[in-house]
Amino acid sequence: MSRLNPITLAVSTILLATTCAQAEAPSAAVFDFQLANLGAQGPTEADKARLGPLTDLLRKQLSDSGRYRIVSTVPVEGDVAKSADLRKCGGCADDFARKLGADVAITGEIQKVSNLILNINVYVKDLKAGTPEKAYTVDIRGDNDLSFEHGVKYLVKNNMPPATEAVSPQK
């Protein structure tokens, strides 16, 4: 029976711990989708009702893909509601995500050009690396739940970077 040299054992343990730490997905605060650029007609009840389920789907897709560990945004919901528009609040989403202990802040908005032409936009800000925010978008056709569901799934699968590239490497 062979015995491992204590130095070899120590180095192996450190390498294993480092590998496990690097393999853990960064934590992300995924804030609820908001409506933007709805044109003259304004939001319908269907538009408003769609936001929660779309956000839940985005969170699930990002988590299931291994890109992020999703943290609950419930503790800051009152603050988020007061800020009204996370895209125009001067970085408040980043502050809320930091308050939650998240590595990444993710916001999203739905743009409705018409009943036929719509956009789903997702913005990812790596708070640890301090890099500029990255935007991901998909255009969909059809103002219905199925089109939006397909759009979110397509966006995560085809437009966003894979889990290994989702967040910049730590320095």
C-alpha atoms as a PDB file:
ATOM      1  CA  MET A   1       0.000   0.000   0.000  1.00  0.00           C
ATOM      2  CA  SER A   2       1.522   3.300  -1.027  1.00  0.00           C
ATOM      3  CA  ARG A   3       1.349   6.447   1.044  1.00  0.00           C
ATOM      4  CA  LEU A   4       1.061   9.939  -0.325  1.00  0.00           C
ATOM      5  CA  ASN A   5       3.773  12.405   0.494  1.00  0.00           C
ATOM      6  CA  PRO A   6       2.321  15.067   2.876  1.00  0.00           C
ATOM      7  CA  ILE A   7       3.319  17.847   0.447  1.00  0.00           C
ATOM      8  CA  THR A   8       1.626  16.070  -2.460  1.00  0.00           C
ATOM      9  CA  LEU A   9      -1.479  15.602  -0.338  1.00  0.00           C
ATOM     10  CA  ALA A  10      -1.517  19.289   0.657  1.00  0.00           C
ATOM     11  CA  VAL A  11      -1.071  20.490  -2.937  1.00  0.00           C
ATOM     12  CA  SER A  12      -3.774  18.101  -4.158  1.00  0.00           C
ATOM     13  CA  THR A  13      -6.179  19.352  -1.503  1.00  0.00           C
ATOM     14  CA  ILE A  14      -5.550  22.986  -2.447  1.00  0.00           C
ATOM     15  CA  LEU A  15      -6.009  22.257  -6.151  1.00  0.00           C
ATOM     16  CA  LEU A  16      -9.247  20.398  -5.471  1.00  0.00           C
ATOM     17  CA  ALA A  17     -10.582  23.221  -3.306  1.00  0.00           C
ATOM     18  CA  THR A  18      -9.637  25.808  -5.936  1.00  0.00           C
ATOM     19  CA  THR A  19     -11.317  23.807  -8.691  1.00  0.00           C
ATOM     20  CA  CYS A  20     -14.513  23.438  -6.634  1.00  0.00           C
ATOM     21  CA  ALA A  21     -14.564  27.159  -5.823  1.00  0.00           C
ATOM     22  CA  GLN A  22     -14.130  28.094  -9.476  1.00  0.00           C
ATOM     23  CA  ALA A  23     -16.831  25.657 -10.571  1.00  0.00           C
ATOM     24  CA  GLU A  24     -19.475  27.301  -8.400  1.00  0.00           C
ATOM     25  CA  ALA A  25     -21.703  29.562 -10.451  1.00  0.00           C
ATOM     26  CA  PRO A  26     -21.830  33.229  -9.472  1.00  0.00           C
ATOM     27  CA  SER A  27     -24.879  34.415  -7.578  1.00  0.00           C
ATOM     28  CA  ALA A  28     -27.323  36.604  -9.503  1.00  0.00           C
ATOM     29  CA  ALA A  29     -30.159  38.877  -8.502  1.00  0.00           C
ATOM     30  CA  VAL A  30     -32.653  38.628 -11.366  1.00  0.00           C
ATOM     31  CA  PHE A  31     -35.113  41.485 -11.049  1.00  0.00           C
ATOM     32  CA  ASP A  32     -38.624  41.347 -12.468  1.00  0.00           C
ATOM     33  CA  PHE A  33     -39.075  42.264 -16.115  1.00  0.00           C
ATOM     34  CA  GLN A  34     -40.391  45.763 -16.692  1.00  0.00           C
ATOM     35  CA  LEU A  35     -42.252  47.322 -19.606  1.00  0.00           C
ATOM     36  CA  ALA A  36     -40.563  49.900 -21.835  1.00  0.00           C
ATOM     37  CA  ASN A  37     -41.370  51.817 -25.016  1.00  0.00           C
ATOM     38  CA  LEU A  38     -44.955  50.704 -25.250  1.00  0.00           C
ATOM     39  CA  GLY A  39     -45.851  53.436 -27.717  1.00  0.00           C
ATOM     40  CA  ALA A  40     -49.102  55.340 -27.736  1.00  0.00           C
ATOM     41  CA  GLN A  41     -51.340  52.457 -26.700  1.00  0.00           C
ATOM     42  CA  GLY A  42     -49.814  51.881 -23.260  1.00  0.00           C
ATOM     43  CA  PRO A  43     -49.623  48.564 -21.415  1.00  0.00           C
ATOM     44  CA  THR A  44     -52.535  46.154 -21.479  1.00  0.00           C
ATOM     45  CA  GLU A  45     -53.528  43.931 -18.581  1.00  0.00           C
ATOM     46  CA  ALA A  46     -52.075  40.988 -20.534  1.00  0.00           C
ATOM     47  CA  ASP A  47     -48.746  42.866 -20.832  1.00  0.00           C
ATOM     48  CA  LYS A  48     -48.629  43.408 -17.068  1.00  0.00           C
ATOM     49  CA  ALA A  49     -49.746  39.868 -16.223  1.00  0.00           C
ATOM     50  CA  ARG A  50     -47.004  38.376 -18.417  1.00  0.00           C
ATOM     51  CA  LEU A  51     -44.085  39.987 -16.520  1.00  0.00           C
ATOM     52  CA  GLY A  52     -44.062  37.714 -13.444  1.00  0.00           C
ATOM     53  CA  PRO A  53     -44.193  34.397 -15.309  1.00  0.00           C
ATOM     54  CA  LEU A  54     -41.533  35.620 -17.776  1.00  0.00           C
ATOM     55  CA  THR A  55     -39.236  36.578 -14.918  1.00  0.00           C
ATOM     56  CA  ASP A  56     -39.769  33.189 -13.279  1.00  0.00           C
ATOM     57  CA  LEU A  57     -38.942  31.488 -16.587  1.00  0.00           C
ATOM     58  CA  LEU A  58     -35.770  33.576 -17.009  1.00  0.00           C
ATOM     59  CA  ARG A  59     -34.637  32.718 -13.476  1.00  0.00           C
ATOM     60  CA  LYS A  60     -35.271  29.013 -14.080  1.00  0.00           C
ATOM     61  CA  GLN A  61     -33.501  29.005 -17.448  1.00  0.00           C
ATOM     62  CA  LEU A  62     -30.435  30.784 -16.032  1.00  0.00           C
ATOM     63  CA  SER A  63     -30.297  28.499 -13.012  1.00  0.00           C
ATOM     64  CA  ASP A  64     -30.901  25.274 -14.962  1.00  0.00           C
ATOM     65  CA  SER A  65     -28.200  26.234 -17.481  1.00  0.00           C
ATOM     66  CA  GLY A  66     -25.632  26.458 -14.673  1.00  0.00           C
ATOM     67  CA  ARG A  67     -24.844  30.092 -15.429  1.00  0.00           C
ATOM     68  CA  TYR A  68     -25.968  31.482 -12.080  1.00  0.00           C
ATOM     69  CA  ARG A  69     -27.179  30.679  -8.597  1.00  0.00           C
ATOM     70  CA  ILE A  70     -30.297  32.796  -8.307  1.00  0.00           C
ATOM     71  CA  VAL A  71     -30.773  34.817  -5.116  1.00  0.00           C
ATOM     72  CA  SER A  72     -34.183  35.984  -3.993  1.00  0.00           C
ATOM     73  CA  THR A  73     -35.016  39.628  -4.671  1.00  0.00           C
ATOM     74  CA  VAL A  74     -37.900  39.597  -2.164  1.00  0.00           C
ATOM     75  CA  PRO A  75     -35.901  41.460   0.550  1.00  0.00           C
ATOM     76  CA  VAL A  76     -35.576  44.536  -1.711  1.00  0.00           C
ATOM     77  CA  GLU A  77     -38.958  44.446  -3.481  1.00  0.00           C
ATOM     78  CA  GLY A  78     -40.186  47.514  -1.595  1.00  0.00           C
ATOM     79  CA  ASP A  79     -37.082  49.494  -2.604  1.00  0.00           C
ATOM     80  CA  VAL A  80     -37.376  48.296  -6.213  1.00  0.00           C
ATOM     81  CA  ALA A  81     -41.023  49.369  -6.363  1.00  0.00           C
ATOM     82  CA  LYS A  82     -40.076  52.862  -5.156  1.00  0.00           C
ATOM     83  CA  SER A  83     -37.438  53.286  -7.870  1.00  0.00           C
ATOM     84  CA  ALA A  84     -40.058  52.575 -10.575  1.00  0.00           C
ATOM     85  CA  ASP A  85     -37.745  52.020 -13.572  1.00  0.00           C
ATOM     86  CA  LEU A  86     -34.601  49.954 -12.978  1.00  0.00           C
ATOM     87  CA  ARG A  87     -33.185  51.012 -16.347  1.00  0.00           C
ATOM     88  CA  LYS A  88     -33.312  54.722 -15.486  1.00  0.00           C
ATOM     89  CA  CYS A  89     -32.504  54.877 -11.783  1.00  0.00           C
ATOM     90  CA  GLY A  90     -28.762  55.538 -11.968  1.00  0.00           C
ATOM     91  CA  GLY A  91     -27.535  52.071 -11.026  1.00  0.00           C
ATOM     92  CA  CYS A  92     -30.047  51.278  -8.294  1.00  0.00           C
ATOM     93  CA  ALA A  93     -30.388  47.668  -9.533  1.00  0.00           C
ATOM     94  CA  ASP A  94     -26.658  47.228  -8.915  1.00  0.00           C
ATOM     95  CA  ASP A  95     -27.079  48.631  -5.398  1.00  0.00           C
ATOM     96  CA  PHE A  96     -30.033  46.321  -4.704  1.00  0.00           C
ATOM     97  CA  ALA A  97     -28.059  43.306  -5.971  1.00  0.00           C
ATOM     98  CA  ARG A  98     -25.092  44.211  -3.758  1.00  0.00           C
ATOM     99  CA  LYS A  99     -27.465  44.539  -0.798  1.00  0.00           C
ATOM    100  CA  LEU A 100     -28.599  40.970  -1.547  1.00  0.00           C
ATOM    101  CA  GLY A 101     -24.985  39.764  -1.691  1.00  0.00           C
ATOM    102  CA  ALA A 102     -25.204  38.921  -5.412  1.00  0.00           C
ATOM    103  CA  ASP A 103     -22.224  38.838  -7.767  1.00  0.00           C
ATOM    104  CA  VAL A 104     -24.369  39.871 -10.735  1.00  0.00           C
ATOM    105  CA  ALA A 105     -27.370  42.168 -11.298  1.00  0.00           C
ATOM    106  CA  ILE A 106     -29.768  41.150 -14.061  1.00  0.00           C
ATOM    107  CA  THR A 107     -32.600  43.350 -15.272  1.00  0.00           C
ATOM    108  CA  GLY A 108     -34.960  42.908 -18.170  1.00  0.00           C
ATOM    109  CA  GLU A 109     -37.472  44.848 -20.154  1.00  0.00           C
ATOM    110  CA  ILE A 110     -40.125  44.168 -22.737  1.00  0.00           C
ATOM    111  CA  GLN A 111     -40.417  46.606 -25.638  1.00  0.00           C
ATOM    112  CA  LYS A 112     -43.628  46.547 -27.589  1.00  0.00           C
ATOM    113  CA  VAL A 113     -43.197  48.197 -30.964  1.00  0.00           C
ATOM    114  CA  SER A 114     -46.617  46.919 -32.067  1.00  0.00           C
ATOM    115  CA  ASN A 115     -48.875  43.925 -31.462  1.00  0.00           C
ATOM    116  CA  LEU A 116     -46.709  42.026 -33.929  1.00  0.00           C
ATOM    117  CA  ILE A 117     -43.172  43.280 -33.213  1.00  0.00           C
ATOM    118  CA  LEU A 118     -41.796  42.936 -29.676  1.00  0.00           C
ATOM    119  CA  ASN A 119     -38.347  42.764 -28.049  1.00  0.00           C
ATOM    120  CA  ILE A 120     -37.133  40.999 -24.938  1.00  0.00           C
ATOM    121  CA  ASN A 121     -34.028  42.681 -23.514  1.00  0.00           C
ATOM    122  CA  VAL A 122     -31.875  41.315 -20.678  1.00  0.00           C
ATOM    123  CA  TYR A 123     -29.028  43.305 -19.108  1.00  0.00           C
ATOM    124  CA  VAL A 124     -26.254  41.645 -17.099  1.00  0.00           C
ATOM    125  CA  LYS A 125     -23.892  43.591 -14.855  1.00  0.00           C
ATOM    126  CA  ASP A 126     -20.939  41.762 -13.292  1.00  0.00           C
ATOM    127  CA  LEU A 127     -20.588  43.578  -9.975  1.00  0.00           C
ATOM    128  CA  LYS A 128     -17.399  41.822  -8.865  1.00  0.00           C
ATOM    129  CA  ALA A 129     -15.423  42.483 -12.029  1.00  0.00           C
ATOM    130  CA  GLY A 130     -16.844  45.983 -12.469  1.00  0.00           C
ATOM    131  CA  THR A 131     -17.047  45.486 -16.231  1.00  0.00           C
ATOM    132  CA  PRO A 132     -19.582  47.358 -18.363  1.00  0.00           C
ATOM    133  CA  GLU A 133     -23.089  46.002 -18.476  1.00  0.00           C
ATOM    134  CA  LYS A 134     -23.818  43.534 -21.280  1.00  0.00           C
ATOM    135  CA  ALA A 135     -27.103  43.541 -23.173  1.00  0.00           C
ATOM    136  CA  TYR A 136     -28.810  40.563 -24.780  1.00  0.00           C
ATOM    137  CA  THR A 137     -31.916  40.841 -26.923  1.00  0.00           C
ATOM    138  CA  VAL A 138     -34.299  38.802 -28.995  1.00  0.00           C
ATOM    139  CA  ASP A 139     -37.073  40.012 -31.287  1.00  0.00           C
ATOM    140  CA  ILE A 140     -40.304  38.072 -31.285  1.00  0.00           C
ATOM    141  CA  ARG A 141     -43.389  38.135 -33.451  1.00  0.00           C
ATOM    142  CA  GLY A 142     -46.742  37.756 -31.793  1.00  0.00           C
ATOM    143  CA  ASP A 143     -48.111  39.328 -28.647  1.00  0.00           C
ATOM    144  CA  ASN A 144     -48.957  36.117 -26.803  1.00  0.00           C
ATOM    145  CA  ASP A 145     -47.598  34.063 -23.942  1.00  0.00           C
ATOM    146  CA  LEU A 146     -46.195  31.310 -26.171  1.00  0.00           C
ATOM    147  CA  SER A 147     -44.141  33.785 -28.245  1.00  0.00           C
ATOM    148  CA  PHE A 148     -42.675  35.314 -25.107  1.00  0.00           C
ATOM    149  CA  GLU A 149     -41.880  31.909 -23.610  1.00  0.00           C
ATOM    150  CA  HIS A 150     -40.075  30.836 -26.774  1.00  0.00           C
ATOM    151  CA  GLY A 151     -38.290  34.196 -26.860  1.00  0.00           C
ATOM    152  CA  VAL A 152     -36.895  33.889 -23.319  1.00  0.00           C
ATOM    153  CA  LYS A 153     -35.758  30.314 -23.915  1.00  0.00           C
ATOM    154  CA  TYR A 154     -34.099  31.274 -27.205  1.00  0.00           C
ATOM    155  CA  LEU A 155     -32.400  34.282 -25.596  1.00  0.00           C
ATOM    156  CA  VAL A 156     -30.835  32.210 -22.812  1.00  0.00           C
ATOM    157  CA  LYS A 157     -29.884  29.277 -25.024  1.00  0.00           C
ATOM    158  CA  ASN A 158     -28.561  31.135 -28.083  1.00  0.00           C
ATOM    159  CA  ASN A 159     -27.766  34.752 -27.225  1.00  0.00           C
ATOM    160  CA  MET A 160     -26.281  34.651 -23.734  1.00  0.00           C
ATOM    161  CA  PRO A 161     -22.812  33.215 -23.154  1.00  0.00           C
ATOM    162  CA  PRO A 162     -22.495  29.693 -21.759  1.00  0.00           C
ATOM    163  CA  ALA A 163     -22.027  29.191 -18.043  1.00  0.00           C
ATOM    164  CA  THR A 164     -18.229  29.168 -18.275  1.00  0.00           C
ATOM    165  CA  GLU A 165     -18.242  32.616 -19.917  1.00  0.00           C
ATOM    166  CA  ALA A 166     -21.249  34.160 -18.184  1.00  0.00           C
ATOM    167  CA  VAL A 167     -19.159  36.180 -15.749  1.00  0.00           C
ATOM    168  CA  SER A 168     -15.616  37.438 -16.139  1.00  0.00           C
ATOM    169  CA  PRO A 169     -12.939  35.375 -14.386  1.00  0.00           C
ATOM    170  CA  GLN A 170     -12.072  36.575 -10.889  1.00  0.00           C
ATOM    171  CA  LYS A 171      -8.841  38.470 -10.459  1.00  0.00           C
END
